[in-house]
Amino acid sequence: MTTESRKRLIKDFKQLTNFPQVGVFASPQESNMMLWEAIIFGPEDTIWDGGCFKLVLEFTEEYPIKPPNIKFITSMFHPNSNINS
């Protein structure tokens, strides 16, 4: 059974595929539409230039009302994140 959240994620994935964003790649795991892997490349002429940041997005059935939980796999500093989160 496909829930509204899963339908929305399918729509979001199609949009990302048809209209890719520069420096951002994301896709669901083959076996789990609710778990995505993403890569963000650091923008040129910024302190993140040359960086390749891997992350995991975990969606719930409350998506899109509730945002996904995001975990950076690549070690990095950000003032709004905690090493224990």
C-alpha atoms as a PDB file:
ATOM      1  CA  MET A   1       0.000   0.000   0.000  1.00  0.00           C
ATOM      2  CA  THR A   2       1.322   3.411  -0.972  1.00  0.00           C
ATOM      3  CA  THR A   3       0.752   6.134   1.580  1.00  0.00           C
ATOM      4  CA  GLU A   4       0.409   9.833   0.821  1.00  0.00           C
ATOM      5  CA  SER A   5       3.931  10.378   2.162  1.00  0.00           C
ATOM      6  CA  ARG A   6       5.377   7.772  -0.190  1.00  0.00           C
ATOM      7  CA  LYS A   7       3.465   9.220  -3.135  1.00  0.00           C
ATOM      8  CA  ARG A   8       4.915  12.629  -2.306  1.00  0.00           C
ATOM      9  CA  LEU A   9       8.445  11.197  -2.082  1.00  0.00           C
ATOM     10  CA  ILE A  10       8.027   9.553  -5.483  1.00  0.00           C
ATOM     11  CA  LYS A  11       6.901  12.911  -6.881  1.00  0.00           C
ATOM     12  CA  ASP A  12       9.862  14.675  -5.215  1.00  0.00           C
ATOM     13  CA  PHE A  13      12.310  12.112  -6.611  1.00  0.00           C
ATOM     14  CA  LYS A  14      10.902  12.508 -10.138  1.00  0.00           C
ATOM     15  CA  GLN A  15      11.297  16.277  -9.827  1.00  0.00           C
ATOM     16  CA  LEU A  16      14.924  15.908  -8.682  1.00  0.00           C
ATOM     17  CA  THR A  17      15.572  13.557 -11.585  1.00  0.00           C
ATOM     18  CA  ASN A  18      13.924  15.792 -14.195  1.00  0.00           C
ATOM     19  CA  PHE A  19      15.281  19.075 -12.825  1.00  0.00           C
ATOM     20  CA  PRO A  20      18.605  18.295 -11.104  1.00  0.00           C
ATOM     21  CA  GLN A  21      20.069  20.900  -8.782  1.00  0.00           C
ATOM     22  CA  VAL A  22      23.711  21.901  -9.227  1.00  0.00           C
ATOM     23  CA  GLY A  23      25.886  20.233  -6.608  1.00  0.00           C
ATOM     24  CA  VAL A  24      23.096  18.200  -4.990  1.00  0.00           C
ATOM     25  CA  PHE A  25      22.305  14.533  -5.595  1.00  0.00           C
ATOM     26  CA  ALA A  26      19.727  12.552  -3.637  1.00  0.00           C
ATOM     27  CA  SER A  27      17.889   9.287  -4.097  1.00  0.00           C
ATOM     28  CA  PRO A  28      15.957   6.770  -2.044  1.00  0.00           C
ATOM     29  CA  GLN A  29      17.416   3.422  -1.123  1.00  0.00           C
ATOM     30  CA  GLU A  30      16.242   0.726  -3.498  1.00  0.00           C
ATOM     31  CA  SER A  31      14.539  -1.240  -0.717  1.00  0.00           C
ATOM     32  CA  ASN A  32      13.180   1.687   1.330  1.00  0.00           C
ATOM     33  CA  MET A  33      11.552   4.794  -0.148  1.00  0.00           C
ATOM     34  CA  MET A  34      11.574   6.435   3.287  1.00  0.00           C
ATOM     35  CA  LEU A  35      15.383   6.382   3.584  1.00  0.00           C
ATOM     36  CA  TRP A  36      17.407   8.533   1.186  1.00  0.00           C
ATOM     37  CA  GLU A  37      21.112   9.030   0.626  1.00  0.00           C
ATOM     38  CA  ALA A  38      22.397  12.378  -0.577  1.00  0.00           C
ATOM     39  CA  ILE A  39      25.599  14.150  -1.522  1.00  0.00           C
ATOM     40  CA  ILE A  40      26.136  17.898  -1.458  1.00  0.00           C
ATOM     41  CA  PHE A  41      29.201  19.376  -3.131  1.00  0.00           C
ATOM     42  CA  GLY A  42      30.576  22.550  -1.581  1.00  0.00           C
ATOM     43  CA  PRO A  43      29.866  25.650  -3.673  1.00  0.00           C
ATOM     44  CA  GLU A  44      32.811  27.304  -5.407  1.00  0.00           C
ATOM     45  CA  ASP A  45      34.389  30.323  -3.761  1.00  0.00           C
ATOM     46  CA  THR A  46      33.065  29.421  -0.317  1.00  0.00           C
ATOM     47  CA  ILE A  47      34.763  27.840   2.669  1.00  0.00           C
ATOM     48  CA  TRP A  48      33.127  24.554   1.599  1.00  0.00           C
ATOM     49  CA  ASP A  49      34.635  24.695  -1.932  1.00  0.00           C
ATOM     50  CA  GLY A  50      35.879  21.228  -2.888  1.00  0.00           C
ATOM     51  CA  GLY A  51      33.935  19.546  -0.129  1.00  0.00           C
ATOM     52  CA  CYS A  52      31.836  16.443  -0.675  1.00  0.00           C
ATOM     53  CA  PHE A  53      29.299  15.977   2.108  1.00  0.00           C
ATOM     54  CA  LYS A  54      27.353  12.734   2.433  1.00  0.00           C
ATOM     55  CA  LEU A  55      24.139  12.570   4.395  1.00  0.00           C
ATOM     56  CA  VAL A  56      21.160  10.334   5.111  1.00  0.00           C
ATOM     57  CA  LEU A  57      17.566  11.559   5.191  1.00  0.00           C
ATOM     58  CA  GLU A  58      14.975   9.524   7.074  1.00  0.00           C
ATOM     59  CA  PHE A  59      11.372  10.395   6.275  1.00  0.00           C
ATOM     60  CA  THR A  60       8.329   9.499   8.367  1.00  0.00           C
ATOM     61  CA  GLU A  61       4.724   8.945   7.386  1.00  0.00           C
ATOM     62  CA  GLU A  62       4.135  12.549   8.477  1.00  0.00           C
ATOM     63  CA  TYR A  63       6.114  13.920   5.520  1.00  0.00           C
ATOM     64  CA  PRO A  64       5.752  16.596   4.092  1.00  0.00           C
ATOM     65  CA  ILE A  65       4.141  18.110   7.198  1.00  0.00           C
ATOM     66  CA  LYS A  66       7.105  16.967   9.299  1.00  0.00           C
ATOM     67  CA  PRO A  67      10.609  17.358   7.820  1.00  0.00           C
ATOM     68  CA  PRO A  68      12.960  14.380   7.558  1.00  0.00           C
ATOM     69  CA  ASN A  69      15.606  13.574  10.127  1.00  0.00           C
ATOM     70  CA  ILE A  70      18.964  14.369   8.571  1.00  0.00           C
ATOM     71  CA  LYS A  71      22.302  12.941   9.584  1.00  0.00           C
ATOM     72  CA  PHE A  72      25.583  14.044   8.042  1.00  0.00           C
ATOM     73  CA  ILE A  73      27.819  11.048   7.453  1.00  0.00           C
ATOM     74  CA  THR A  74      30.748  13.273   6.501  1.00  0.00           C
ATOM     75  CA  SER A  75      32.318  14.802   9.558  1.00  0.00           C
ATOM     76  CA  MET A  76      31.856  18.572   9.574  1.00  0.00           C
ATOM     77  CA  PHE A  77      31.174  21.522  11.828  1.00  0.00           C
ATOM     78  CA  HIS A  78      27.911  23.410  11.736  1.00  0.00           C
ATOM     79  CA  PRO A  79      26.687  25.702  14.528  1.00  0.00           C
ATOM     80  CA  ASN A  80      23.174  24.217  14.387  1.00  0.00           C
ATOM     81  CA  SER A  81      24.239  20.598  14.737  1.00  0.00           C
ATOM     82  CA  ASN A  82      25.494  18.470  17.567  1.00  0.00           C
ATOM     83  CA  ILE A  83      27.974  15.600  17.322  1.00  0.00           C
ATOM     84  CA  ASN A  84      25.531  13.471  19.341  1.00  0.00           C
ATOM     85  CA  SER A  85      22.524  14.186  17.074  1.00  0.00           C
END
